[in-house]
Amino acid sequence: MNRQQLINNHALDILRTPKKPHTVPKALTKEEAQQVMDQSSELQDDTWVGLRDQAVLLLLYGCGLRISEALDLNQEDAPRKGQDFLRVKGKRNKERLVPVLPIIIDAIESYQASCPFAKDQNAPLFFGVKGKRLSPRIIQLQTQKLRGLLGLPESATPHALRHSFATHLLSNGGDLRAIQELLGHNSLSTTQRYTDVDADELLKVYDKAHPSAKK
């Protein structure tokens, strides 16, 4: 068995252990994810609602948040310019810090500036049109509309954006345990099921990073 076959088999073993049925959606391509980000603000008649949807989806793809984590954020949790991390409360109230990109901060600030509702510190960060905390169902419906507009598969859901965040990080050489921390997973095996990267991508990472590949 040659080197590539050995690496190939090892890479697949890592991703398939433990052997459990896949329960996560297929990741979007980087191009598809970018289309969703670009078009997400164009589906609403009210400008502030479109900006809201774009900010939420950017948090899912840019920070790897669960939709519940994004919509549970309050005004006091909103990232500010010069802030590198966002504090997120995940399952079982476990807190974690995730890096936040300037483009995400800009999107949130643009939404906040146009939102008509009072922004007390304990108020929701993301409002529905009636001034209450935004329901996940609204974002799910908007993503469904985007699928139709962009010709994306049914697997393109809000949760698929979180899955895409992890998959794209790993395909670009991200460390699996670091991705585990970013996603807020207790178990590495859970993260492995989220990072369904093909063997060719893993070979590229190996050749780039492994000491023996540089000899």
Protein backbone atom coordinates (compact mmCIF):
# COMPACT_ATOMS: atom_id res chain seq x y z
CA MET A 1 0.00 0.00 0.00
CA ASN A 2 1.51 3.34 -1.01
CA ARG A 3 1.81 6.51 1.09
CA GLN A 4 -1.29 8.17 -0.32
CA GLN A 5 -3.43 5.10 0.32
CA LEU A 6 -2.17 4.91 3.91
CA ILE A 7 -2.91 8.58 4.56
CA ASN A 8 -6.22 8.29 2.78
CA ASN A 9 -7.35 5.34 4.89
CA HIS A 10 -6.13 6.95 8.11
CA ALA A 11 -7.94 10.19 7.35
CA LEU A 12 -11.18 8.39 6.66
CA ASP A 13 -10.82 6.31 9.83
CA ILE A 14 -10.49 9.50 11.88
CA LEU A 15 -13.65 10.97 10.45
CA ARG A 16 -15.62 7.74 10.75
CA THR A 17 -14.78 6.96 14.38
CA PRO A 18 -16.96 6.20 16.21
CA LYS A 19 -19.18 4.76 13.48
CA LYS A 20 -22.48 6.51 13.94
CA PRO A 21 -25.08 7.49 11.36
CA HIS A 22 -24.64 11.02 10.05
CA THR A 23 -27.18 13.28 11.70
CA VAL A 24 -25.79 16.60 10.52
CA PRO A 25 -26.62 18.32 7.23
CA LYS A 26 -24.28 18.41 4.27
CA ALA A 27 -21.99 21.43 4.33
CA LEU A 28 -22.44 24.17 1.80
CA THR A 29 -19.55 24.93 -0.50
CA LYS A 30 -17.66 28.13 0.23
CA GLU A 31 -19.28 29.70 -2.84
CA GLU A 32 -22.78 28.70 -1.71
CA ALA A 33 -22.18 30.04 1.79
CA GLN A 34 -20.99 33.33 0.33
CA GLN A 35 -24.12 33.56 -1.83
CA VAL A 36 -26.30 33.08 1.24
CA MET A 37 -24.45 35.83 3.09
CA ASP A 38 -24.65 38.21 0.14
CA GLN A 39 -28.34 37.68 -0.63
CA SER A 40 -29.77 37.28 2.85
CA SER A 41 -30.58 40.97 3.29
CA GLU A 42 -32.41 41.25 -0.04
CA LEU A 43 -35.53 39.18 0.74
CA GLN A 44 -37.25 41.57 3.14
CA ASP A 45 -39.30 44.67 2.40
CA ASP A 46 -38.16 46.36 5.61
CA THR A 47 -34.48 47.25 5.49
CA TRP A 48 -33.89 46.57 9.19
CA VAL A 49 -35.37 43.07 8.91
CA GLY A 50 -33.09 42.22 6.01
CA LEU A 51 -30.08 43.51 7.92
CA ARG A 52 -31.18 41.47 10.93
CA ASP A 53 -31.37 38.25 8.92
CA GLN A 54 -27.96 38.86 7.40
CA ALA A 55 -26.42 39.47 10.84
CA VAL A 56 -27.94 36.25 12.23
CA LEU A 57 -26.73 34.13 9.32
CA LEU A 58 -23.26 35.65 9.56
CA LEU A 59 -23.11 34.57 13.20
CA LEU A 60 -24.03 31.02 12.23
CA TYR A 61 -21.45 30.75 9.46
CA GLY A 62 -18.78 33.16 10.71
CA CYS A 63 -18.80 32.05 14.37
CA GLY A 64 -20.25 28.55 14.14
CA LEU A 65 -23.14 29.33 16.50
CA ARG A 66 -26.23 27.22 16.94
CA ILE A 67 -29.31 29.18 15.89
CA SER A 68 -30.55 29.08 19.49
CA GLU A 69 -27.24 30.55 20.70
CA ALA A 70 -27.44 33.43 18.24
CA LEU A 71 -31.06 34.26 19.07
CA ASP A 72 -30.50 34.00 22.84
CA LEU A 73 -28.00 36.87 22.70
CA ASN A 74 -29.04 40.11 24.39
CA GLN A 75 -28.04 43.67 23.56
CA GLU A 76 -25.32 43.58 26.21
CA ASP A 77 -23.77 40.58 24.45
CA ALA A 78 -23.38 42.31 21.09
CA PRO A 79 -19.75 42.50 19.96
CA ARG A 80 -18.26 45.97 19.56
CA LYS A 81 -15.51 47.32 17.34
CA GLY A 82 -12.11 46.37 18.67
CA GLN A 83 -13.58 43.27 20.32
CA ASP A 84 -12.00 40.04 19.13
CA PHE A 85 -14.26 37.54 20.87
CA LEU A 86 -17.93 36.92 21.47
CA ARG A 87 -19.09 35.29 24.71
CA VAL A 88 -21.68 32.62 23.96
CA LYS A 89 -23.80 30.54 26.30
CA GLY A 90 -24.32 27.08 24.85
CA LYS A 91 -25.93 23.85 25.97
CA ARG A 92 -26.24 23.33 29.73
CA ASN A 93 -25.36 27.04 30.10
CA LYS A 94 -21.74 26.33 29.28
CA GLU A 95 -19.99 29.53 28.22
CA ARG A 96 -17.33 29.75 25.54
CA LEU A 97 -15.48 32.48 23.68
CA VAL A 98 -15.51 32.48 19.89
CA PRO A 99 -13.55 34.82 17.60
CA VAL A 100 -15.73 37.37 15.84
CA LEU A 101 -14.76 38.89 12.50
CA PRO A 102 -15.05 42.64 11.81
CA ILE A 103 -17.58 41.94 9.02
CA ILE A 104 -19.88 40.34 11.60
CA ILE A 105 -19.55 43.27 13.99
CA ASP A 106 -20.31 45.68 11.14
CA ALA A 107 -23.40 43.66 10.17
CA ILE A 108 -24.72 43.64 13.73
CA GLU A 109 -24.12 47.36 14.18
CA SER A 110 -25.87 48.15 10.87
CA TYR A 111 -28.87 46.11 11.99
CA GLN A 112 -28.93 47.74 15.43
CA ALA A 113 -28.78 51.22 13.95
CA SER A 114 -31.85 50.58 11.80
CA CYS A 115 -33.88 48.48 14.28
CA PRO A 116 -36.90 50.47 15.58
CA PHE A 117 -37.17 48.80 18.99
CA ALA A 118 -35.70 49.90 22.31
CA LYS A 119 -32.27 48.48 22.94
CA ASP A 120 -31.99 48.12 26.71
CA GLN A 121 -29.04 46.01 27.80
CA ASN A 122 -31.27 43.08 28.76
CA ALA A 123 -33.40 43.30 25.63
CA PRO A 124 -32.97 40.70 22.87
CA LEU A 125 -30.25 41.41 20.36
CA PHE A 126 -32.47 40.17 17.54
CA PHE A 127 -36.10 41.30 17.44
CA GLY A 128 -39.06 39.97 15.50
CA VAL A 129 -41.31 42.44 13.71
CA LYS A 130 -43.60 42.63 16.77
CA GLY A 131 -40.78 43.65 19.08
CA LYS A 132 -40.30 40.29 20.77
CA ARG A 133 -37.28 37.97 20.66
CA LEU A 134 -36.82 36.60 17.16
CA SER A 135 -38.09 33.06 16.63
CA PRO A 136 -35.79 30.44 15.03
CA ARG A 137 -38.66 29.58 12.70
CA ILE A 138 -38.35 32.97 10.98
CA ILE A 139 -34.70 32.34 10.12
CA GLN A 140 -35.55 28.82 8.96
CA LEU A 141 -38.21 30.22 6.61
CA GLN A 142 -35.86 32.86 5.27
CA THR A 143 -33.22 30.24 4.58
CA GLN A 144 -35.86 28.21 2.74
CA LYS A 145 -36.57 31.23 0.52
CA LEU A 146 -32.85 31.65 -0.13
CA ARG A 147 -32.62 28.01 -1.21
CA GLY A 148 -35.27 28.65 -3.84
CA LEU A 149 -33.68 31.91 -4.97
CA LEU A 150 -30.17 30.49 -5.25
CA GLY A 151 -31.02 26.97 -6.36
CA LEU A 152 -29.45 25.39 -3.28
CA PRO A 153 -30.27 21.87 -2.03
CA GLU A 154 -32.77 21.22 0.76
CA SER A 155 -29.82 20.45 3.03
CA ALA A 156 -28.97 24.19 3.03
CA THR A 157 -30.44 25.01 6.44
CA PRO A 158 -29.36 27.36 9.25
CA HIS A 159 -27.70 24.40 10.97
CA ALA A 160 -25.83 23.62 7.75
CA LEU A 161 -24.12 27.02 8.09
CA ARG A 162 -22.69 25.98 11.47
CA HIS A 163 -21.63 22.68 9.91
CA SER A 164 -20.05 24.59 7.01
CA PHE A 165 -18.11 26.78 9.46
CA ALA A 166 -16.47 23.67 10.95
CA THR A 167 -15.93 21.91 7.65
CA HIS A 168 -14.33 24.91 5.97
CA LEU A 169 -12.03 25.52 8.93
CA LEU A 170 -10.80 21.94 8.88
CA SER A 171 -10.37 21.90 5.11
CA ASN A 172 -8.11 24.94 5.47
CA GLY A 173 -5.91 23.26 8.07
CA GLY A 174 -7.77 24.06 11.28
CA ASP A 175 -7.03 21.90 14.31
CA LEU A 176 -9.86 19.49 15.16
CA ARG A 177 -9.65 20.10 18.91
CA ALA A 178 -9.68 23.87 18.42
CA ILE A 179 -12.78 23.49 16.26
CA GLN A 180 -14.30 21.36 19.03
CA GLU A 181 -13.84 24.28 21.44
CA LEU A 182 -15.28 26.78 18.96
CA LEU A 183 -18.38 24.65 18.44
CA GLY A 184 -18.85 24.00 22.15
CA HIS A 185 -18.79 20.22 21.83
CA ASN A 186 -18.03 18.13 24.90
CA SER A 187 -16.92 15.18 22.79
CA LEU A 188 -14.37 15.15 19.99
CA SER A 189 -16.35 12.40 18.27
CA THR A 190 -19.24 14.84 17.87
CA THR A 191 -16.94 17.33 16.17
CA GLN A 192 -15.66 14.61 13.84
CA ARG A 193 -19.18 14.07 12.58
CA TYR A 194 -19.47 17.78 11.85
CA THR A 195 -16.27 17.93 9.84
CA ASP A 196 -16.96 15.77 6.81
CA VAL A 197 -13.94 16.73 4.72
CA ASP A 198 -13.01 14.65 1.69
CA ALA A 199 -9.74 12.75 1.53
CA ASP A 200 -8.18 15.07 -1.07
CA GLU A 201 -8.56 18.03 1.29
CA LEU A 202 -7.04 16.06 4.16
CA LEU A 203 -4.10 15.07 1.98
CA LYS A 204 -3.48 18.72 1.20
CA VAL A 205 -3.50 19.55 4.93
CA TYR A 206 -1.14 16.63 5.62
CA ASP A 207 1.32 17.63 2.91
CA LYS A 208 1.30 21.21 4.15
CA ALA A 209 1.62 20.54 7.86
CA HIS A 210 3.18 17.16 8.60
CA PRO A 211 6.98 17.20 9.18
CA SER A 212 7.58 13.99 7.23
CA ALA A 213 5.90 15.48 4.17
CA LYS A 214 8.55 18.22 4.03
CA LYS A 215 11.49 15.86 3.67
